[in-house]
Protein backbone atom coordinates (compact mmCIF):
# COMPACT_ATOMS: atom_id res chain seq x y z
CA UNK A 1 10.18 -16.41 -9.60
CA UNK A 2 10.85 -14.84 -12.98
CA UNK A 3 14.12 -16.54 -13.77
CA UNK A 4 14.01 -18.43 -17.01
CA UNK A 5 15.43 -21.90 -16.79
CA UNK A 6 14.21 -23.19 -20.16
CA UNK A 7 16.54 -25.91 -21.45
CA UNK A 8 18.10 -26.59 -18.08
CA UNK A 9 17.96 -30.21 -16.59
CA UNK A 10 18.29 -30.73 -12.90
CA UNK A 11 19.21 -34.13 -11.32
CA UNK A 12 17.55 -34.72 -7.92
CA UNK A 13 19.41 -37.46 -6.09
CA UNK A 14 17.30 -39.06 -3.29
CA UNK A 15 16.05 -42.29 -1.84
CA UNK A 16 13.53 -43.38 0.83
CA UNK A 17 13.49 -41.00 3.75
CA UNK A 18 14.14 -37.75 1.94
CA UNK A 19 12.63 -34.79 3.67
CA UNK A 20 9.44 -34.26 1.70
CA UNK A 21 9.50 -30.46 1.63
CA UNK A 22 13.16 -30.29 0.65
CA UNK A 23 12.54 -32.37 -2.51
CA UNK A 24 9.04 -31.30 -3.53
CA UNK A 25 9.32 -27.49 -2.96
CA UNK A 26 12.56 -26.98 -4.85
CA UNK A 27 11.44 -29.47 -7.60
CA UNK A 28 8.18 -27.30 -8.06
CA UNK A 29 10.10 -24.06 -8.06
CA UNK A 30 12.62 -25.25 -10.63
CA UNK A 31 9.86 -26.60 -12.83
CA UNK A 32 7.89 -23.37 -12.47
CA UNK A 33 11.02 -21.50 -13.73
CA UNK A 34 11.16 -23.68 -16.79
CA UNK A 35 13.67 -26.42 -15.84
CA UNK A 36 13.20 -30.13 -16.36
CA UNK A 37 13.89 -32.35 -13.39
CA UNK A 38 14.64 -36.02 -12.93
CA UNK A 39 14.44 -37.87 -9.72
CA UNK A 40 17.36 -40.17 -9.62
CA UNK A 41 17.72 -42.91 -6.85
CA UNK A 42 19.52 -46.12 -5.84
CA UNK A 43 16.32 -47.99 -6.59
CA UNK A 44 13.52 -47.90 -9.11
CA UNK A 45 9.83 -47.35 -8.83
CA UNK A 46 8.80 -44.93 -6.14
CA UNK A 47 10.62 -43.44 -3.08
CA UNK A 48 8.87 -42.46 0.11
CA UNK A 49 9.30 -39.02 1.73
CA UNK A 50 9.58 -38.18 5.35
CA UNK A 51 7.23 -35.36 6.42
CA UNK A 52 8.82 -33.79 9.66
CA UNK A 53 7.86 -36.72 11.99
CA UNK A 54 6.07 -39.31 9.90
CA UNK A 55 6.11 -40.92 6.55
CA UNK A 56 4.86 -38.71 3.71
CA UNK A 57 4.26 -38.72 0.00
CA UNK A 58 5.83 -41.03 -2.52
CA UNK A 59 7.64 -39.67 -5.56
CA UNK A 60 8.21 -41.42 -8.90
CA UNK A 61 11.87 -42.25 -9.66
CA UNK A 62 12.90 -41.32 -13.23
CA UNK A 63 16.24 -43.04 -13.39
CA UNK A 64 18.49 -45.37 -11.35
CA UNK A 65 21.78 -43.74 -10.42
CA UNK A 66 23.61 -46.67 -12.04
CA UNK A 67 22.23 -45.56 -15.42
CA UNK A 68 22.29 -41.75 -14.87
CA UNK A 69 24.84 -39.67 -16.68
CA UNK A 70 25.94 -36.42 -14.83
CA UNK A 71 26.96 -34.92 -18.13
CA UNK A 72 23.27 -34.76 -19.17
CA UNK A 73 22.49 -32.31 -16.32
CA UNK A 74 23.13 -28.68 -15.54
CA UNK A 75 22.86 -29.00 -11.81
CA UNK A 76 22.30 -31.41 -8.86
CA UNK A 77 19.82 -31.03 -6.02
CA UNK A 78 20.50 -33.00 -2.78
CA UNK A 79 17.46 -32.83 -0.42
CA UNK A 80 18.04 -33.78 3.24
CA UNK A 81 16.20 -35.87 5.68
CA UNK A 82 18.38 -37.96 8.05
CA UNK A 83 17.69 -41.25 6.41
CA UNK A 84 18.03 -40.23 2.79
CA UNK A 85 21.70 -39.08 2.68
CA UNK A 86 22.67 -41.76 5.19
CA UNK A 87 21.47 -44.39 2.76
CA UNK A 88 23.07 -42.65 -0.26
CA UNK A 89 26.46 -42.13 1.19
CA UNK A 90 27.05 -45.89 1.49
CA UNK A 91 26.17 -46.42 -2.17
CA UNK A 92 29.41 -45.96 -4.30
CA UNK A 93 27.42 -45.09 -7.43
CA UNK A 94 25.49 -42.31 -5.64
CA UNK A 95 28.71 -40.90 -4.09
CA UNK A 96 30.51 -40.93 -7.48
CA UNK A 97 27.42 -39.44 -9.19
CA UNK A 98 27.60 -36.40 -6.78
CA UNK A 99 31.45 -36.15 -7.11
CA UNK A 100 31.19 -35.91 -10.95
CA UNK A 101 29.19 -32.62 -10.61
CA UNK A 102 32.13 -31.11 -8.67
CA UNK A 103 34.69 -32.45 -11.06
CA UNK A 104 32.90 -30.78 -13.96
CA UNK A 105 32.19 -27.63 -11.82
CA UNK A 106 28.45 -27.89 -12.22
CA UNK A 107 26.09 -26.28 -9.78
CA UNK A 108 25.19 -28.38 -6.67
CA UNK A 109 22.52 -27.37 -4.23
CA UNK A 110 22.14 -29.25 -0.92
CA UNK A 111 19.88 -28.62 2.02
CA UNK A 112 19.65 -29.88 5.65
CA UNK A 113 21.38 -33.30 5.91
CA UNK A 114 22.07 -33.34 2.15
CA UNK A 115 25.73 -32.22 2.53
CA UNK A 116 26.43 -35.56 4.22
CA UNK A 117 26.72 -37.04 0.76
CA UNK A 118 29.24 -34.37 -0.17
CA UNK A 119 31.34 -35.11 2.84
CA UNK A 120 31.46 -38.77 1.76
CA UNK A 121 32.27 -37.68 -1.80
CA UNK A 122 35.35 -35.84 -0.47
CA UNK A 123 34.31 -32.40 -2.04
CA UNK A 124 33.87 -30.10 0.95
CA UNK A 125 37.50 -29.45 1.67
CA UNK A 126 38.22 -25.69 1.41
CA UNK A 127 34.48 -24.87 0.92
CA UNK A 128 32.23 -22.83 3.11
CA UNK A 129 28.80 -24.33 3.62
CA UNK A 130 25.85 -24.72 5.92
CA UNK A 131 23.62 -27.65 6.85
CA UNK A 132 21.57 -29.00 9.66
CA UNK A 133 23.56 -28.21 12.82
CA UNK A 134 24.42 -31.81 13.59
CA UNK A 135 26.64 -32.00 10.46
CA UNK A 136 28.91 -29.17 11.62
CA UNK A 137 31.59 -31.45 13.04
CA UNK A 138 31.45 -33.77 10.02
CA UNK A 139 31.92 -30.85 7.59
CA UNK A 140 34.75 -29.41 9.69
CA UNK A 141 36.44 -32.82 9.93
CA UNK A 142 36.25 -33.07 6.12
CA UNK A 143 38.09 -29.71 5.72
CA UNK A 144 35.02 -27.52 5.12
CA UNK A 145 34.01 -24.36 6.96
CA UNK A 146 30.61 -24.47 8.58
CA UNK A 147 28.41 -21.32 8.93
CA UNK A 148 25.08 -20.89 10.47
CA UNK A 149 23.33 -18.99 7.64
CA UNK A 150 20.03 -19.30 5.80
CA UNK A 151 21.93 -19.79 2.52
CA UNK A 152 25.57 -20.18 1.85
CA UNK A 153 27.06 -19.87 -1.65
CA UNK A 154 30.70 -20.93 -2.41
CA UNK A 155 31.50 -21.11 -6.16
CA UNK A 156 29.28 -23.91 -7.52
CA UNK A 157 27.94 -24.97 -4.16
CA UNK A 158 24.65 -23.67 -2.56
CA UNK A 159 23.59 -24.89 0.86
CA UNK A 160 20.84 -24.26 3.33
CA UNK A 161 20.10 -25.48 6.89
CA UNK A 162 16.47 -26.56 7.08
CA UNK A 163 12.97 -26.55 5.62
CA UNK A 164 12.42 -22.94 6.93
CA UNK A 165 15.18 -21.87 4.58
CA UNK A 166 13.60 -23.28 1.44
CA UNK A 167 12.30 -19.96 -0.02
CA UNK A 168 15.82 -18.37 0.15
CA UNK A 169 17.44 -21.65 -0.97
CA UNK A 170 15.14 -21.92 -4.06
CA UNK A 171 15.71 -18.22 -4.87
CA UNK A 172 19.51 -18.48 -4.74
CA UNK A 173 19.53 -21.87 -6.65
CA UNK A 174 17.34 -20.53 -9.51
CA UNK A 175 19.13 -17.17 -9.77
CA UNK A 176 22.51 -18.85 -9.91
CA UNK A 177 21.35 -21.40 -12.45
CA UNK A 178 19.79 -18.72 -14.65
CA UNK A 179 23.08 -16.81 -14.60
CA UNK A 180 24.90 -19.85 -16.02
CA UNK A 181 25.71 -22.00 -13.08
CA UNK A 182 28.13 -21.01 -10.40
CA UNK A 183 31.44 -22.38 -11.43
CA UNK A 184 32.77 -19.01 -12.38
CA UNK A 185 31.06 -17.17 -9.52
CA UNK A 186 32.87 -15.90 -6.53
CA UNK A 187 31.70 -16.95 -3.01
CA UNK A 188 28.86 -14.93 -1.65
């Protein structure tokens, strides 16, 4: 990807059970485009990925969410995996960290089960987004509109359904970030 993300910092909020490809592939694409990334978690040390149907790779945590400042970042990446967002959405500091990106109208990109944290943060009302199909009812109950699309973009929110969507997800995330974010962009 030829987009230039030099000087951009991306927060990746995750914990044990993140879907490995949904963290590692976007992280690699963002860094290849020139961005800096920080893995932020509810615990220190390393977090363990889930690789489709078994435990996968570990990833080094750069910062505990209790010490992370959303103002230092240009965007937030929320990988999925069933366990990861389920653990994050019961941690008030993780929920508030994600909410702050919406308050400041910064770009947020979530894939698969990642939007579960956004439901908990109370930020999907009036938004159109996609996710893993099992979140459809949760999103609708929270006031969002769920669509079955490879990538959905609504203002400062980019979402995708599953690992197969990662190439399109990465492309849209990087293009939007390179163009200055997404806060001023119309849906679509």
